[in-house]
Amino acid sequence: MAYVYPNYKTKKAFKEAVRDKQPMTIRENTPFGNPVFENGTTSVEGPHYPEPHRWYASVTVRDGKVMAVK
């Protein structure tokens, strides 16, 4: 799983930010650190810990930019 920065409270807010091409970063949550996800497809969740996760999405990222959300 990965997190989206900034921390969107709802999937609707996240989708609107993608639609409006707002700057954001996808970081993978791994035991080896939190690398930035640059290309490919991954799953994201939000909001971040310590809040309970309320939404999940599959995203396609190209050159560090979210191109599509499912």
PDB file of N, CA and C in Angstrom:
ATOM      1  N   MET A   1       0.820  -1.184   0.000  1.00  0.00           N
ATOM      2  CA  MET A   1       0.000   0.000   0.000  1.00  0.00           C
ATOM      3  C   MET A   1       0.868   1.253   0.000  1.00  0.00           C
ATOM      4  N   ALA A   2       0.285   2.310  -0.462  1.00  0.00           N
ATOM      5  CA  ALA A   2       0.993   3.588  -0.510  1.00  0.00           C
ATOM      6  C   ALA A   2       0.071   4.674   0.043  1.00  0.00           C
ATOM      7  N   TYR A   3       0.683   5.764   0.429  1.00  0.00           N
ATOM      8  CA  TYR A   3      -0.050   6.931   0.913  1.00  0.00           C
ATOM      9  C   TYR A   3       0.085   8.068  -0.087  1.00  0.00           C
ATOM     10  N   VAL A   4      -0.929   8.934  -0.090  1.00  0.00           N
ATOM     11  CA  VAL A   4      -0.927  10.123  -0.932  1.00  0.00           C
ATOM     12  C   VAL A   4      -0.609  11.323  -0.045  1.00  0.00           C
ATOM     13  N   TYR A   5       0.280  12.163  -0.509  1.00  0.00           N
ATOM     14  CA  TYR A   5       0.608  13.414   0.190  1.00  0.00           C
ATOM     15  C   TYR A   5       0.261  14.549  -0.742  1.00  0.00           C
ATOM     16  N   PRO A   6      -0.598  15.468  -0.360  1.00  0.00           N
ATOM     17  CA  PRO A   6      -1.167  15.703   0.954  1.00  0.00           C
ATOM     18  C   PRO A   6      -2.172  14.615   1.336  1.00  0.00           C
ATOM     19  N   ASN A   7      -2.562  14.608   2.587  1.00  0.00           N
ATOM     20  CA  ASN A   7      -3.414  13.589   3.181  1.00  0.00           C
ATOM     21  C   ASN A   7      -4.880  13.926   2.912  1.00  0.00           C
ATOM     22  N   TYR A   8      -5.470  13.303   1.883  1.00  0.00           N
ATOM     23  CA  TYR A   8      -6.874  13.560   1.552  1.00  0.00           C
ATOM     24  C   TYR A   8      -7.776  12.756   2.478  1.00  0.00           C
ATOM     25  N   LYS A   9      -8.783  13.401   3.030  1.00  0.00           N
ATOM     26  CA  LYS A   9      -9.676  12.755   3.998  1.00  0.00           C
ATOM     27  C   LYS A   9     -10.694  11.841   3.325  1.00  0.00           C
ATOM     28  N   THR A  10     -11.028  12.123   2.048  1.00  0.00           N
ATOM     29  CA  THR A  10     -12.008  11.297   1.330  1.00  0.00           C
ATOM     30  C   THR A  10     -11.485  10.961  -0.061  1.00  0.00           C
ATOM     31  N   LYS A  11     -12.011   9.881  -0.610  1.00  0.00           N
ATOM     32  CA  LYS A  11     -11.641   9.491  -1.979  1.00  0.00           C
ATOM     33  C   LYS A  11     -12.154  10.541  -2.973  1.00  0.00           C
ATOM     34  N   LYS A  12     -13.304  11.124  -2.681  1.00  0.00           N
ATOM     35  CA  LYS A  12     -13.850  12.164  -3.544  1.00  0.00           C
ATOM     36  C   LYS A  12     -12.892  13.350  -3.632  1.00  0.00           C
ATOM     37  N   ALA A  13     -12.355  13.778  -2.493  1.00  0.00           N
ATOM     38  CA  ALA A  13     -11.402  14.891  -2.482  1.00  0.00           C
ATOM     39  C   ALA A  13     -10.137  14.523  -3.259  1.00  0.00           C
ATOM     40  N   PHE A  14      -9.683  13.279  -3.118  1.00  0.00           N
ATOM     41  CA  PHE A  14      -8.509  12.817  -3.856  1.00  0.00           C
ATOM     42  C   PHE A  14      -8.768  12.839  -5.363  1.00  0.00           C
ATOM     43  N   LYS A  15      -9.914  12.308  -5.783  1.00  0.00           N
ATOM     44  CA  LYS A  15     -10.248  12.289  -7.218  1.00  0.00           C
ATOM     45  C   LYS A  15     -10.364  13.710  -7.788  1.00  0.00           C
ATOM     46  N   GLU A  16     -10.933  14.620  -7.016  1.00  0.00           N
ATOM     47  CA  GLU A  16     -11.052  16.017  -7.461  1.00  0.00           C
ATOM     48  C   GLU A  16      -9.672  16.645  -7.619  1.00  0.00           C
ATOM     49  N   ALA A  17      -8.758  16.341  -6.717  1.00  0.00           N
ATOM     50  CA  ALA A  17      -7.396  16.874  -6.808  1.00  0.00           C
ATOM     51  C   ALA A  17      -6.684  16.332  -8.043  1.00  0.00           C
ATOM     52  N   VAL A  18      -6.901  15.050  -8.351  1.00  0.00           N
ATOM     53  CA  VAL A  18      -6.306  14.464  -9.571  1.00  0.00           C
ATOM     54  C   VAL A  18      -6.900  15.145 -10.798  1.00  0.00           C
ATOM     55  N   ARG A  19      -8.214  15.310 -10.809  1.00  0.00           N
ATOM     56  CA  ARG A  19      -8.891  15.963 -11.939  1.00  0.00           C
ATOM     57  C   ARG A  19      -8.380  17.385 -12.155  1.00  0.00           C
ATOM     58  N   ASP A  20      -8.139  18.101 -11.040  1.00  0.00           N
ATOM     59  CA  ASP A  20      -7.675  19.492 -11.111  1.00  0.00           C
ATOM     60  C   ASP A  20      -6.157  19.605 -11.269  1.00  0.00           C
ATOM     61  N   LYS A  21      -5.490  18.438 -11.371  1.00  0.00           N
ATOM     62  CA  LYS A  21      -4.033  18.370 -11.569  1.00  0.00           C
ATOM     63  C   LYS A  21      -3.259  19.091 -10.471  1.00  0.00           C
ATOM     64  N   GLN A  22      -3.723  18.925  -9.231  1.00  0.00           N
ATOM     65  CA  GLN A  22      -3.010  19.497  -8.093  1.00  0.00           C
ATOM     66  C   GLN A  22      -1.752  18.675  -7.816  1.00  0.00           C
ATOM     67  N   PRO A  23      -0.691  19.311  -7.362  1.00  0.00           N
ATOM     68  CA  PRO A  23       0.534  18.563  -7.071  1.00  0.00           C
ATOM     69  C   PRO A  23       0.337  17.610  -5.892  1.00  0.00           C
ATOM     70  N   MET A  24       0.853  16.390  -6.047  1.00  0.00           N
ATOM     71  CA  MET A  24       0.779  15.389  -4.983  1.00  0.00           C
ATOM     72  C   MET A  24       1.906  14.395  -5.166  1.00  0.00           C
ATOM     73  N   THR A  25       2.179  13.656  -4.105  1.00  0.00           N
ATOM     74  CA  THR A  25       3.234  12.649  -4.116  1.00  0.00           C
ATOM     75  C   THR A  25       2.645  11.339  -3.622  1.00  0.00           C
ATOM     76  N   ILE A  26       3.039  10.239  -4.260  1.00  0.00           N
ATOM     77  CA  ILE A  26       2.658   8.899  -3.816  1.00  0.00           C
ATOM     78  C   ILE A  26       3.901   8.268  -3.197  1.00  0.00           C
ATOM     79  N   ARG A  27       3.789   7.876  -1.937  1.00  0.00           N
ATOM     80  CA  ARG A  27       4.912   7.227  -1.244  1.00  0.00           C
ATOM     81  C   ARG A  27       4.493   5.842  -0.790  1.00  0.00           C
ATOM     82  N   GLU A  28       5.330   4.861  -1.126  1.00  0.00           N
ATOM     83  CA  GLU A  28       5.070   3.492  -0.702  1.00  0.00           C
ATOM     84  C   GLU A  28       5.435   3.336   0.768  1.00  0.00           C
ATOM     85  N   ASN A  29       4.653   2.565   1.466  1.00  0.00           N
ATOM     86  CA  ASN A  29       4.878   2.319   2.889  1.00  0.00           C
ATOM     87  C   ASN A  29       5.576   0.961   3.012  1.00  0.00           C
ATOM     88  N   THR A  30       6.905   0.969   3.173  1.00  0.00           N
ATOM     89  CA  THR A  30       7.673  -0.273   3.260  1.00  0.00           C
ATOM     90  C   THR A  30       8.538  -0.262   4.509  1.00  0.00           C
ATOM     91  N   PRO A  31       8.989  -1.430   4.952  1.00  0.00           N
ATOM     92  CA  PRO A  31       9.891  -1.469   6.098  1.00  0.00           C
ATOM     93  C   PRO A  31      11.281  -0.903   5.780  1.00  0.00           C
ATOM     94  N   PHE A  32      11.562  -0.663   4.514  1.00  0.00           N
ATOM     95  CA  PHE A  32      12.876  -0.161   4.093  1.00  0.00           C
ATOM     96  C   PHE A  32      12.887   1.336   3.845  1.00  0.00           C
ATOM     97  N   GLY A  33      11.825   2.013   4.238  1.00  0.00           N
ATOM     98  CA  GLY A  33      11.720   3.451   4.015  1.00  0.00           C
ATOM     99  C   GLY A  33      10.451   3.767   3.258  1.00  0.00           C
ATOM    100  N   ASN A  34      10.323   4.993   2.840  1.00  0.00           N
ATOM    101  CA  ASN A  34       9.134   5.437   2.111  1.00  0.00           C
ATOM    102  C   ASN A  34       9.523   6.049   0.773  1.00  0.00           C
ATOM    103  N   PRO A  35       9.899   5.199  -0.197  1.00  0.00           N
ATOM    104  CA  PRO A  35      10.299   5.745  -1.492  1.00  0.00           C
ATOM    105  C   PRO A  35       9.120   6.363  -2.244  1.00  0.00           C
ATOM    106  N   VAL A  36       9.411   7.343  -3.060  1.00  0.00           N
ATOM    107  CA  VAL A  36       8.397   7.964  -3.907  1.00  0.00           C
ATOM    108  C   VAL A  36       8.097   7.018  -5.059  1.00  0.00           C
ATOM    109  N   PHE A  37       6.811   6.793  -5.336  1.00  0.00           N
ATOM    110  CA  PHE A  37       6.382   5.929  -6.429  1.00  0.00           C
ATOM    111  C   PHE A  37       6.309   6.770  -7.692  1.00  0.00           C
ATOM    112  N   GLU A  38       7.103   6.432  -8.716  1.00  0.00           N
ATOM    113  CA  GLU A  38       7.226   7.261  -9.924  1.00  0.00           C
ATOM    114  C   GLU A  38       6.424   6.756 -11.123  1.00  0.00           C
ATOM    115  N   ASN A  39       6.393   5.433 -11.361  1.00  0.00           N
ATOM    116  CA  ASN A  39       5.749   4.892 -12.560  1.00  0.00           C
ATOM    117  C   ASN A  39       5.087   3.552 -12.258  1.00  0.00           C
ATOM    118  N   GLY A  40       3.935   3.324 -12.905  1.00  0.00           N
ATOM    119  CA  GLY A  40       3.252   2.044 -12.762  1.00  0.00           C
ATOM    120  C   GLY A  40       1.894   2.191 -12.098  1.00  0.00           C
ATOM    121  N   THR A  41       1.397   1.045 -11.602  1.00  0.00           N
ATOM    122  CA  THR A  41       0.099   0.993 -10.940  1.00  0.00           C
ATOM    123  C   THR A  41       0.313   0.538  -9.509  1.00  0.00           C
ATOM    124  N   THR A  42      -0.368   1.181  -8.579  1.00  0.00           N
ATOM    125  CA  THR A  42      -0.275   0.808  -7.176  1.00  0.00           C
ATOM    126  C   THR A  42      -1.600   1.105  -6.484  1.00  0.00           C
ATOM    127  N   SER A  43      -1.728   0.637  -5.271  1.00  0.00           N
ATOM    128  CA  SER A  43      -2.901   0.920  -4.450  1.00  0.00           C
ATOM    129  C   SER A  43      -2.537   1.981  -3.426  1.00  0.00           C
ATOM    130  N   VAL A  44      -3.478   2.876  -3.179  1.00  0.00           N
ATOM    131  CA  VAL A  44      -3.276   3.916  -2.166  1.00  0.00           C
ATOM    132  C   VAL A  44      -4.420   3.849  -1.168  1.00  0.00           C
ATOM    133  N   GLU A  45      -4.172   4.394   0.021  1.00  0.00           N
ATOM    134  CA  GLU A  45      -5.189   4.404   1.057  1.00  0.00           C
ATOM    135  C   GLU A  45      -5.150   5.714   1.813  1.00  0.00           C
ATOM    136  N   GLY A  46      -6.247   6.046   2.443  1.00  0.00           N
ATOM    137  CA  GLY A  46      -6.279   7.264   3.220  1.00  0.00           C
ATOM    138  C   GLY A  46      -7.460   7.273   4.163  1.00  0.00           C
ATOM    139  N   PRO A  47      -7.542   8.172   5.055  1.00  0.00           N
ATOM    140  CA  PRO A  47      -6.464   9.064   5.450  1.00  0.00           C
ATOM    141  C   PRO A  47      -5.337   8.293   6.133  1.00  0.00           C
ATOM    142  N   HIS A  48      -4.257   8.986   6.429  1.00  0.00           N
ATOM    143  CA  HIS A  48      -3.066   8.359   6.999  1.00  0.00           C
ATOM    144  C   HIS A  48      -3.255   7.972   8.458  1.00  0.00           C
ATOM    145  N   TYR A  49      -2.381   7.082   8.898  1.00  0.00           N
ATOM    146  CA  TYR A  49      -2.293   6.711  10.317  1.00  0.00           C
ATOM    147  C   TYR A  49      -1.998   7.964  11.131  1.00  0.00           C
ATOM    148  N   PRO A  50      -2.560   8.197  12.255  1.00  0.00           N
ATOM    149  CA  PRO A  50      -3.269   7.278  13.140  1.00  0.00           C
ATOM    150  C   PRO A  50      -4.768   7.217  12.909  1.00  0.00           C
ATOM    151  N   GLU A  51      -5.292   7.951  11.932  1.00  0.00           N
ATOM    152  CA  GLU A  51      -6.721   7.859  11.636  1.00  0.00           C
ATOM    153  C   GLU A  51      -7.007   6.528  10.954  1.00  0.00           C
ATOM    154  N   PRO A  52      -8.221   5.981  11.127  1.00  0.00           N
ATOM    155  CA  PRO A  52      -8.549   4.742  10.427  1.00  0.00           C
ATOM    156  C   PRO A  52      -8.667   4.992   8.921  1.00  0.00           C
ATOM    157  N   HIS A  53      -8.195   4.060   8.127  1.00  0.00           N
ATOM    158  CA  HIS A  53      -8.305   4.189   6.667  1.00  0.00           C
ATOM    159  C   HIS A  53      -9.774   4.054   6.280  1.00  0.00           C
ATOM    160  N   ARG A  54     -10.252   5.012   5.505  1.00  0.00           N
ATOM    161  CA  ARG A  54     -11.660   5.013   5.095  1.00  0.00           C
ATOM    162  C   ARG A  54     -11.839   4.839   3.598  1.00  0.00           C
ATOM    163  N   TRP A  55     -10.754   5.025   2.853  1.00  0.00           N
ATOM    164  CA  TRP A  55     -10.890   4.871   1.407  1.00  0.00           C
ATOM    165  C   TRP A  55      -9.632   4.225   0.827  1.00  0.00           C
ATOM    166  N   TYR A  56      -9.834   3.541  -0.288  1.00  0.00           N
ATOM    167  CA  TYR A  56      -8.766   2.839  -1.008  1.00  0.00           C
ATOM    168  C   TYR A  56      -8.976   3.095  -2.488  1.00  0.00           C
ATOM    169  N   ALA A  57      -7.885   3.139  -3.250  1.00  0.00           N
ATOM    170  CA  ALA A  57      -7.989   3.357  -4.689  1.00  0.00           C
ATOM    171  C   ALA A  57      -6.802   2.719  -5.390  1.00  0.00           C
ATOM    172  N   SER A  58      -7.005   2.386  -6.640  1.00  0.00           N
ATOM    173  CA  SER A  58      -5.922   1.921  -7.499  1.00  0.00           C
ATOM    174  C   SER A  58      -5.569   3.091  -8.406  1.00  0.00           C
ATOM    175  N   VAL A  59      -4.278   3.415  -8.492  1.00  0.00           N
ATOM    176  CA  VAL A  59      -3.860   4.569  -9.285  1.00  0.00           C
ATOM    177  C   VAL A  59      -2.804   4.167 -10.309  1.00  0.00           C
ATOM    178  N   THR A  60      -2.801   4.870 -11.416  1.00  0.00           N
ATOM    179  CA  THR A  60      -1.761   4.742 -12.430  1.00  0.00           C
ATOM    180  C   THR A  60      -0.923   6.002 -12.363  1.00  0.00           C
ATOM    181  N   VAL A  61       0.385   5.819 -12.198  1.00  0.00           N
ATOM    182  CA  VAL A  61       1.308   6.942 -12.044  1.00  0.00           C
ATOM    183  C   VAL A  61       2.304   6.928 -13.198  1.00  0.00           C
ATOM    184  N   ARG A  62       2.532   8.091 -13.792  1.00  0.00           N
ATOM    185  CA  ARG A  62       3.516   8.240 -14.863  1.00  0.00           C
ATOM    186  C   ARG A  62       4.355   9.471 -14.562  1.00  0.00           C
ATOM    187  N   ASP A  63       5.667   9.283 -14.488  1.00  0.00           N
ATOM    188  CA  ASP A  63       6.608  10.371 -14.198  1.00  0.00           C
ATOM    189  C   ASP A  63       6.230  11.116 -12.915  1.00  0.00           C
ATOM    190  N   GLY A  64       5.762  10.352 -11.912  1.00  0.00           N
ATOM    191  CA  GLY A  64       5.437  10.931 -10.622  1.00  0.00           C
ATOM    192  C   GLY A  64       4.085  11.619 -10.547  1.00  0.00           C
ATOM    193  N   LYS A  65       3.297  11.583 -11.628  1.00  0.00           N
ATOM    194  CA  LYS A  65       1.980  12.232 -11.646  1.00  0.00           C
ATOM    195  C   LYS A  65       0.882  11.177 -11.756  1.00  0.00           C
ATOM    196  N   VAL A  66      -0.159  11.341 -10.949  1.00  0.00           N
ATOM    197  CA  VAL A  66      -1.292  10.415 -10.998  1.00  0.00           C
ATOM    198  C   VAL A  66      -2.080  10.695 -12.262  1.00  0.00           C
ATOM    199  N   MET A  67      -2.192   9.669 -13.124  1.00  0.00           N
ATOM    200  CA  MET A  67      -2.880   9.830 -14.391  1.00  0.00           C
ATOM    201  C   MET A  67      -4.320   9.310 -14.344  1.00  0.00           C
ATOM    202  N   ALA A  68      -4.576   8.274 -13.508  1.00  0.00           N
ATOM    203  CA  ALA A  68      -5.918   7.671 -13.448  1.00  0.00           C
ATOM    204  C   ALA A  68      -6.153   7.123 -12.051  1.00  0.00           C
ATOM    205  N   VAL A  69      -7.436   7.159 -11.650  1.00  0.00           N
ATOM    206  CA  VAL A  69      -7.862   6.630 -10.348  1.00  0.00           C
ATOM    207  C   VAL A  69      -9.029   5.690 -10.583  1.00  0.00           C
ATOM    208  N   LYS A  70      -8.987   4.536  -9.914  1.00  0.00           N
ATOM    209  CA  LYS A  70     -10.118   3.592  -9.982  1.00  0.00           C
ATOM    210  C   LYS A  70     -10.637   3.356  -8.592  1.00  0.00           C
TER     211      LYS A  70
END
